[in-house]
Amino acid sequence: MKKQRYIETELGTEKLCIECQEHWPLDDEFWYFENRKTKTQGVVRRALSVCKCCYIPRYKPHLLLGAKNSIENNSHARVAA
């Protein structure tokens, strides 16, 4: 069964993250937002499709690889010195 994209809970509106498949409260603590222009409503603030925890692994995995490589490079530099 497909999960609903938005649900209402005692915490308010929660949105489904497409990466981790969990619902998180729809606020700045859990989501990145972007301003979108629409023809009828002007500028609308919308949450991205992935939560903040999943954003880098989903859209910028090269940053994770770079961080891992920089740690390994630093440890090799200390051993050689």
PDB file of N, CA and C in Angstrom:
ATOM      1  N   MET A   1       0.841  -1.184   0.000  1.00  0.00           N
ATOM      2  CA  MET A   1       0.000   0.000   0.000  1.00  0.00           C
ATOM      3  C   MET A   1       0.885   1.246   0.000  1.00  0.00           C
ATOM      4  N   LYS A   2       0.540   2.204  -0.814  1.00  0.00           N
ATOM      5  CA  LYS A   2       1.303   3.431  -0.945  1.00  0.00           C
ATOM      6  C   LYS A   2       1.007   4.360   0.232  1.00  0.00           C
ATOM      7  N   LYS A   3       2.068   4.944   0.809  1.00  0.00           N
ATOM      8  CA  LYS A   3       1.886   5.871   1.922  1.00  0.00           C
ATOM      9  C   LYS A   3       1.388   7.215   1.411  1.00  0.00           C
ATOM     10  N   GLN A   4       0.604   7.900   2.249  1.00  0.00           N
ATOM     11  CA  GLN A   4       0.124   9.229   1.897  1.00  0.00           C
ATOM     12  C   GLN A   4       1.268  10.226   1.983  1.00  0.00           C
ATOM     13  N   ARG A   5       1.273  11.183   1.091  1.00  0.00           N
ATOM     14  CA  ARG A   5       2.341  12.175   1.064  1.00  0.00           C
ATOM     15  C   ARG A   5       2.255  13.106   2.277  1.00  0.00           C
ATOM     16  N   TYR A   6       1.058  13.521   2.647  1.00  0.00           N
ATOM     17  CA  TYR A   6       0.843  14.390   3.803  1.00  0.00           C
ATOM     18  C   TYR A   6      -0.134  13.705   4.745  1.00  0.00           C
ATOM     19  N   ILE A   7       0.113  13.836   6.055  1.00  0.00           N
ATOM     20  CA  ILE A   7      -0.835  13.344   7.054  1.00  0.00           C
ATOM     21  C   ILE A   7      -0.999  14.408   8.133  1.00  0.00           C
ATOM     22  N   GLU A   8      -2.128  14.364   8.817  1.00  0.00           N
ATOM     23  CA  GLU A   8      -2.388  15.262   9.938  1.00  0.00           C
ATOM     24  C   GLU A   8      -2.246  14.467  11.228  1.00  0.00           C
ATOM     25  N   THR A   9      -1.405  14.941  12.148  1.00  0.00           N
ATOM     26  CA  THR A   9      -1.222  14.300  13.446  1.00  0.00           C
ATOM     27  C   THR A   9      -1.422  15.339  14.539  1.00  0.00           C
ATOM     28  N   GLU A  10      -1.219  14.927  15.787  1.00  0.00           N
ATOM     29  CA  GLU A  10      -1.332  15.874  16.894  1.00  0.00           C
ATOM     30  C   GLU A  10      -0.233  16.941  16.833  1.00  0.00           C
ATOM     31  N   LEU A  11       0.845  16.674  16.085  1.00  0.00           N
ATOM     32  CA  LEU A  11       1.922  17.653  15.907  1.00  0.00           C
ATOM     33  C   LEU A  11       1.632  18.626  14.771  1.00  0.00           C
ATOM     34  N   GLY A  12       0.599  18.367  13.993  1.00  0.00           N
ATOM     35  CA  GLY A  12       0.267  19.194  12.836  1.00  0.00           C
ATOM     36  C   GLY A  12       0.462  18.408  11.557  1.00  0.00           C
ATOM     37  N   THR A  13       0.703  19.110  10.470  1.00  0.00           N
ATOM     38  CA  THR A  13       0.895  18.459   9.175  1.00  0.00           C
ATOM     39  C   THR A  13       2.275  17.825   9.107  1.00  0.00           C
ATOM     40  N   GLU A  14       2.334  16.583   8.649  1.00  0.00           N
ATOM     41  CA  GLU A  14       3.606  15.887   8.453  1.00  0.00           C
ATOM     42  C   GLU A  14       3.711  15.461   7.000  1.00  0.00           C
ATOM     43  N   LYS A  15       4.940  15.492   6.478  1.00  0.00           N
ATOM     44  CA  LYS A  15       5.193  15.167   5.075  1.00  0.00           C
ATOM     45  C   LYS A  15       6.051  13.918   4.985  1.00  0.00           C
ATOM     46  N   LEU A  16       5.848  13.140   3.932  1.00  0.00           N
ATOM     47  CA  LEU A  16       6.592  11.907   3.698  1.00  0.00           C
ATOM     48  C   LEU A  16       7.887  12.210   2.959  1.00  0.00           C
ATOM     49  N   CYS A  17       8.999  11.706   3.470  1.00  0.00           N
ATOM     50  CA  CYS A  17      10.291  11.804   2.789  1.00  0.00           C
ATOM     51  C   CYS A  17      10.376  10.661   1.782  1.00  0.00           C
ATOM     52  N   ILE A  18      10.742  10.968   0.537  1.00  0.00           N
ATOM     53  CA  ILE A  18      10.789   9.924  -0.488  1.00  0.00           C
ATOM     54  C   ILE A  18      11.999   9.012  -0.335  1.00  0.00           C
ATOM     55  N   GLU A  19      12.986   9.421   0.450  1.00  0.00           N
ATOM     56  CA  GLU A  19      14.189   8.609   0.620  1.00  0.00           C
ATOM     57  C   GLU A  19      14.040   7.621   1.785  1.00  0.00           C
ATOM     58  N   CYS A  20      13.724   8.113   2.976  1.00  0.00           N
ATOM     59  CA  CYS A  20      13.646   7.238   4.153  1.00  0.00           C
ATOM     60  C   CYS A  20      12.240   6.686   4.400  1.00  0.00           C
ATOM     61  N   GLN A  21      11.247   7.185   3.657  1.00  0.00           N
ATOM     62  CA  GLN A  21       9.860   6.727   3.769  1.00  0.00           C
ATOM     63  C   GLN A  21       9.279   6.957   5.164  1.00  0.00           C
ATOM     64  N   GLU A  22       9.694   8.031   5.823  1.00  0.00           N
ATOM     65  CA  GLU A  22       9.163   8.412   7.133  1.00  0.00           C
ATOM     66  C   GLU A  22       8.428   9.741   7.012  1.00  0.00           C
ATOM     67  N   HIS A  23       7.419   9.931   7.862  1.00  0.00           N
ATOM     68  CA  HIS A  23       6.719  11.212   7.931  1.00  0.00           C
ATOM     69  C   HIS A  23       7.405  12.089   8.975  1.00  0.00           C
ATOM     70  N   TRP A  24       7.638  13.362   8.621  1.00  0.00           N
ATOM     71  CA  TRP A  24       8.275  14.323   9.519  1.00  0.00           C
ATOM     72  C   TRP A  24       7.436  15.597   9.545  1.00  0.00           C
ATOM     73  N   PRO A  25       7.408  16.307  10.702  1.00  0.00           N
ATOM     74  CA  PRO A  25       6.646  17.561  10.762  1.00  0.00           C
ATOM     75  C   PRO A  25       7.106  18.538   9.683  1.00  0.00           C
ATOM     76  N   LEU A  26       6.170  19.217   9.102  1.00  0.00           N
ATOM     77  CA  LEU A  26       6.439  20.116   7.983  1.00  0.00           C
ATOM     78  C   LEU A  26       6.879  21.480   8.518  1.00  0.00           C
ATOM     79  N   ASP A  27       8.148  21.568   8.937  1.00  0.00           N
ATOM     80  CA  ASP A  27       8.708  22.834   9.406  1.00  0.00           C
ATOM     81  C   ASP A  27      10.194  22.918   9.060  1.00  0.00           C
ATOM     82  N   ASP A  28      10.816  24.043   9.381  1.00  0.00           N
ATOM     83  CA  ASP A  28      12.212  24.297   9.009  1.00  0.00           C
ATOM     84  C   ASP A  28      13.203  23.366   9.701  1.00  0.00           C
ATOM     85  N   GLU A  29      12.815  22.748  10.779  1.00  0.00           N
ATOM     86  CA  GLU A  29      13.725  21.848  11.493  1.00  0.00           C
ATOM     87  C   GLU A  29      13.990  20.559  10.701  1.00  0.00           C
ATOM     88  N   PHE A  30      13.016  20.107   9.938  1.00  0.00           N
ATOM     89  CA  PHE A  30      13.128  18.828   9.240  1.00  0.00           C
ATOM     90  C   PHE A  30      13.223  18.935   7.722  1.00  0.00           C
ATOM     91  N   TRP A  31      12.880  20.075   7.148  1.00  0.00           N
ATOM     92  CA  TRP A  31      12.790  20.208   5.692  1.00  0.00           C
ATOM     93  C   TRP A  31      13.497  21.457   5.197  1.00  0.00           C
ATOM     94  N   TYR A  32      14.085  21.371   3.999  1.00  0.00           N
ATOM     95  CA  TYR A  32      14.554  22.543   3.271  1.00  0.00           C
ATOM     96  C   TYR A  32      13.395  23.023   2.407  1.00  0.00           C
ATOM     97  N   PHE A  33      13.252  24.343   2.301  1.00  0.00           N
ATOM     98  CA  PHE A  33      12.175  24.921   1.509  1.00  0.00           C
ATOM     99  C   PHE A  33      12.755  25.723   0.351  1.00  0.00           C
ATOM    100  N   GLU A  34      11.963  25.850  -0.704  1.00  0.00           N
ATOM    101  CA  GLU A  34      12.338  26.689  -1.836  1.00  0.00           C
ATOM    102  C   GLU A  34      11.134  27.520  -2.243  1.00  0.00           C
ATOM    103  N   ASN A  35      11.401  28.686  -2.783  1.00  0.00           N
ATOM    104  CA  ASN A  35      10.337  29.550  -3.275  1.00  0.00           C
ATOM    105  C   ASN A  35      10.099  29.242  -4.745  1.00  0.00           C
ATOM    106  N   ARG A  36       8.851  29.002  -5.090  1.00  0.00           N
ATOM    107  CA  ARG A  36       8.474  28.672  -6.465  1.00  0.00           C
ATOM    108  C   ARG A  36       7.462  29.691  -6.972  1.00  0.00           C
ATOM    109  N   LYS A  37       7.634  30.114  -8.203  1.00  0.00           N
ATOM    110  CA  LYS A  37       6.662  31.004  -8.827  1.00  0.00           C
ATOM    111  C   LYS A  37       5.558  30.165  -9.456  1.00  0.00           C
ATOM    112  N   THR A  38       4.320  30.587  -9.232  1.00  0.00           N
ATOM    113  CA  THR A  38       3.186  29.943  -9.883  1.00  0.00           C
ATOM    114  C   THR A  38       2.417  30.993 -10.676  1.00  0.00           C
ATOM    115  N   LYS A  39       1.631  30.541 -11.609  1.00  0.00           N
ATOM    116  CA  LYS A  39       0.865  31.481 -12.436  1.00  0.00           C
ATOM    117  C   LYS A  39      -0.260  32.140 -11.658  1.00  0.00           C
ATOM    118  N   THR A  40      -0.869  31.407 -10.729  1.00  0.00           N
ATOM    119  CA  THR A  40      -2.050  31.931 -10.050  1.00  0.00           C
ATOM    120  C   THR A  40      -1.772  32.486  -8.659  1.00  0.00           C
ATOM    121  N   GLN A  41      -0.818  31.904  -7.919  1.00  0.00           N
ATOM    122  CA  GLN A  41      -0.610  32.291  -6.526  1.00  0.00           C
ATOM    123  C   GLN A  41       0.622  33.156  -6.300  1.00  0.00           C
ATOM    124  N   GLY A  42       1.364  33.506  -7.322  1.00  0.00           N
ATOM    125  CA  GLY A  42       2.588  34.277  -7.146  1.00  0.00           C
ATOM    126  C   GLY A  42       3.708  33.372  -6.672  1.00  0.00           C
ATOM    127  N   VAL A  43       4.408  33.783  -5.611  1.00  0.00           N
ATOM    128  CA  VAL A  43       5.512  32.984  -5.076  1.00  0.00           C
ATOM    129  C   VAL A  43       4.997  32.119  -3.932  1.00  0.00           C
ATOM    130  N   VAL A  44       5.288  30.816  -4.002  1.00  0.00           N
ATOM    131  CA  VAL A  44       4.838  29.856  -2.989  1.00  0.00           C
ATOM    132  C   VAL A  44       6.062  29.186  -2.381  1.00  0.00           C
ATOM    133  N   ARG A  45       6.060  29.007  -1.078  1.00  0.00           N
ATOM    134  CA  ARG A  45       7.151  28.338  -0.369  1.00  0.00           C
ATOM    135  C   ARG A  45       6.817  26.854  -0.263  1.00  0.00           C
ATOM    136  N   ARG A  46       7.666  25.996  -0.851  1.00  0.00           N
ATOM    137  CA  ARG A  46       7.397  24.555  -0.870  1.00  0.00           C
ATOM    138  C   ARG A  46       8.559  23.782  -0.285  1.00  0.00           C
ATOM    139  N   ALA A  47       8.234  22.696   0.408  1.00  0.00           N
ATOM    140  CA  ALA A  47       9.259  21.808   0.970  1.00  0.00           C
ATOM    141  C   ALA A  47       9.808  20.909  -0.128  1.00  0.00           C
ATOM    142  N   LEU A  48      11.089  20.590  -0.048  1.00  0.00           N
ATOM    143  CA  LEU A  48      11.688  19.651  -0.992  1.00  0.00           C
ATOM    144  C   LEU A  48      11.145  18.250  -0.731  1.00  0.00           C
ATOM    145  N   SER A  49      11.440  17.310  -1.597  1.00  0.00           N
ATOM    146  CA  SER A  49      10.860  15.971  -1.489  1.00  0.00           C
ATOM    147  C   SER A  49      11.578  15.074  -0.491  1.00  0.00           C
ATOM    148  N   VAL A  50      12.778  15.462  -0.043  1.00  0.00           N
ATOM    149  CA  VAL A  50      13.505  14.670   0.954  1.00  0.00           C
ATOM    150  C   VAL A  50      13.749  15.517   2.198  1.00  0.00           C
ATOM    151  N   CYS A  51      13.798  14.859   3.358  1.00  0.00           N
ATOM    152  CA  CYS A  51      14.053  15.564   4.610  1.00  0.00           C
ATOM    153  C   CYS A  51      15.521  16.007   4.662  1.00  0.00           C
ATOM    154  N   LYS A  52      15.862  16.817   5.647  1.00  0.00           N
ATOM    155  CA  LYS A  52      17.230  17.329   5.757  1.00  0.00           C
ATOM    156  C   LYS A  52      18.250  16.210   5.947  1.00  0.00           C
ATOM    157  N   CYS A  53      17.901  15.165   6.675  1.00  0.00           N
ATOM    158  CA  CYS A  53      18.839  14.055   6.900  1.00  0.00           C
ATOM    159  C   CYS A  53      19.166  13.312   5.609  1.00  0.00           C
ATOM    160  N   CYS A  54      18.225  13.235   4.709  1.00  0.00           N
ATOM    161  CA  CYS A  54      18.415  12.468   3.472  1.00  0.00           C
ATOM    162  C   CYS A  54      18.878  13.326   2.301  1.00  0.00           C
ATOM    163  N   TYR A  55      18.935  14.645   2.456  1.00  0.00           N
ATOM    164  CA  TYR A  55      19.220  15.533   1.329  1.00  0.00           C
ATOM    165  C   TYR A  55      20.594  15.276   0.716  1.00  0.00           C
ATOM    166  N   ILE A  56      21.648  15.263   1.509  1.00  0.00           N
ATOM    167  CA  ILE A  56      23.004  15.091   0.970  1.00  0.00           C
ATOM    168  C   ILE A  56      23.208  13.693   0.392  1.00  0.00           C
ATOM    169  N   PRO A  57      22.823  12.616   1.092  1.00  0.00           N
ATOM    170  CA  PRO A  57      22.996  11.295   0.468  1.00  0.00           C
ATOM    171  C   PRO A  57      22.210  11.136  -0.838  1.00  0.00           C
ATOM    172  N   ARG A  58      21.064  11.790  -0.952  1.00  0.00           N
ATOM    173  CA  ARG A  58      20.226  11.641  -2.149  1.00  0.00           C
ATOM    174  C   ARG A  58      20.722  12.502  -3.310  1.00  0.00           C
ATOM    175  N   TYR A  59      20.997  13.777  -3.044  1.00  0.00           N
ATOM    176  CA  TYR A  59      21.284  14.714  -4.123  1.00  0.00           C
ATOM    177  C   TYR A  59      22.751  15.110  -4.253  1.00  0.00           C
ATOM    178  N   LYS A  60      23.551  14.921  -3.205  1.00  0.00           N
ATOM    179  CA  LYS A  60      24.962  15.318  -3.268  1.00  0.00           C
ATOM    180  C   LYS A  60      25.865  14.248  -2.656  1.00  0.00           C
ATOM    181  N   PRO A  61      25.808  13.026  -3.143  1.00  0.00           N
ATOM    182  CA  PRO A  61      26.611  11.952  -2.541  1.00  0.00           C
ATOM    183  C   PRO A  61      28.111  12.182  -2.682  1.00  0.00           C
ATOM    184  N   HIS A  62      28.521  12.987  -3.663  1.00  0.00           N
ATOM    185  CA  HIS A  62      29.945  13.276  -3.833  1.00  0.00           C
ATOM    186  C   HIS A  62      30.520  14.008  -2.622  1.00  0.00           C
ATOM    187  N   LEU A  63      29.690  14.744  -1.887  1.00  0.00           N
ATOM    188  CA  LEU A  63      30.172  15.419  -0.682  1.00  0.00           C
ATOM    189  C   LEU A  63      30.533  14.411   0.404  1.00  0.00           C
ATOM    190  N   LEU A  64      29.788  13.322   0.481  1.00  0.00           N
ATOM    191  CA  LEU A  64      30.106  12.281   1.459  1.00  0.00           C
ATOM    192  C   LEU A  64      31.407  11.584   1.098  1.00  0.00           C
ATOM    193  N   LEU A  65      31.625  11.332  -0.172  1.00  0.00           N
ATOM    194  CA  LEU A  65      32.866  10.696  -0.611  1.00  0.00           C
ATOM    195  C   LEU A  65      34.053  11.611  -0.378  1.00  0.00           C
ATOM    196  N   GLY A  66      33.873  12.903  -0.619  1.00  0.00           N
ATOM    197  CA  GLY A  66      34.949  13.863  -0.399  1.00  0.00           C
ATOM    198  C   GLY A  66      35.339  13.949   1.062  1.00  0.00           C
ATOM    199  N   ALA A  67      34.372  13.909   1.966  1.00  0.00           N
ATOM    200  CA  ALA A  67      34.664  13.968   3.396  1.00  0.00           C
ATOM    201  C   ALA A  67      35.425  12.726   3.835  1.00  0.00           C
ATOM    202  N   LYS A  68      35.043  11.577   3.318  1.00  0.00           N
ATOM    203  CA  LYS A  68      35.729  10.334   3.665  1.00  0.00           C
ATOM    204  C   LYS A  68      37.173  10.368   3.169  1.00  0.00           C
ATOM    205  N   ASN A  69      37.382  10.830   1.942  1.00  0.00           N
ATOM    206  CA  ASN A  69      38.728  10.897   1.384  1.00  0.00           C
ATOM    207  C   ASN A  69      39.601  11.896   2.128  1.00  0.00           C
ATOM    208  N   SER A  70      39.040  13.016   2.561  1.00  0.00           N
ATOM    209  CA  SER A  70      39.848  14.008   3.260  1.00  0.00           C
ATOM    210  C   SER A  70      40.286  13.481   4.623  1.00  0.00           C
ATOM    211  N   ILE A  71      39.464  12.683   5.284  1.00  0.00           N
ATOM    212  CA  ILE A  71      39.850  12.098   6.569  1.00  0.00           C
ATOM    213  C   ILE A  71      40.990  11.108   6.364  1.00  0.00           C
ATOM    214  N   GLU A  72      40.874  10.268   5.334  1.00  0.00           N
ATOM    215  CA  GLU A  72      41.939   9.305   5.060  1.00  0.00           C
ATOM    216  C   GLU A  72      43.233  10.017   4.688  1.00  0.00           C
ATOM    217  N   ASN A  73      43.150  11.074   3.898  1.00  0.00           N
ATOM    218  CA  ASN A  73      44.344  11.813   3.498  1.00  0.00           C
ATOM    219  C   ASN A  73      45.021  12.461   4.694  1.00  0.00           C
ATOM    220  N   ASN A  74      44.248  12.994   5.626  1.00  0.00           N
ATOM    221  CA  ASN A  74      44.823  13.624   6.811  1.00  0.00           C
ATOM    222  C   ASN A  74      45.526  12.603   7.691  1.00  0.00           C
ATOM    223  N   SER A  75      44.968  11.422   7.835  1.00  0.00           N
ATOM    224  CA  SER A  75      45.598  10.409   8.682  1.00  0.00           C
ATOM    225  C   SER A  75      46.900   9.922   8.060  1.00  0.00           C
ATOM    226  N   HIS A  76      46.949   9.805   6.738  1.00  0.00           N
ATOM    227  CA  HIS A  76      48.185   9.394   6.075  1.00  0.00           C
ATOM    228  C   HIS A  76      49.255  10.474   6.209  1.00  0.00           C
ATOM    229  N   ALA A  77      48.854  11.717   6.160  1.00  0.00           N
ATOM    230  CA  ALA A  77      49.819  12.812   6.270  1.00  0.00           C
ATOM    231  C   ALA A  77      50.442  12.829   7.664  1.00  0.00           C
ATOM    232  N   ARG A  78      49.658  12.549   8.691  1.00  0.00           N
ATOM    233  CA  ARG A  78      50.190  12.562  10.052  1.00  0.00           C
ATOM    234  C   ARG A  78      51.155  11.404  10.285  1.00  0.00           C
ATOM    235  N   VAL A  79      50.867  10.261   9.722  1.00  0.00           N
ATOM    236  CA  VAL A  79      51.734   9.099   9.906  1.00  0.00           C
ATOM    237  C   VAL A  79      53.069   9.319   9.208  1.00  0.00           C
ATOM    238  N   ALA A  80      53.040   9.921   8.023  1.00  0.00           N
ATOM    239  CA  ALA A  80      54.263  10.125   7.253  1.00  0.00           C
ATOM    240  C   ALA A  80      55.154  11.195   7.878  1.00  0.00           C
ATOM    241  N   ALA A  81      54.596  12.113   8.632  1.00  0.00           N
ATOM    242  CA  ALA A  81      55.387  13.217   9.180  1.00  0.00           C
ATOM    243  C   ALA A  81      56.160  12.846  10.372  1.00  0.00           C
TER     244      ALA A  81
END
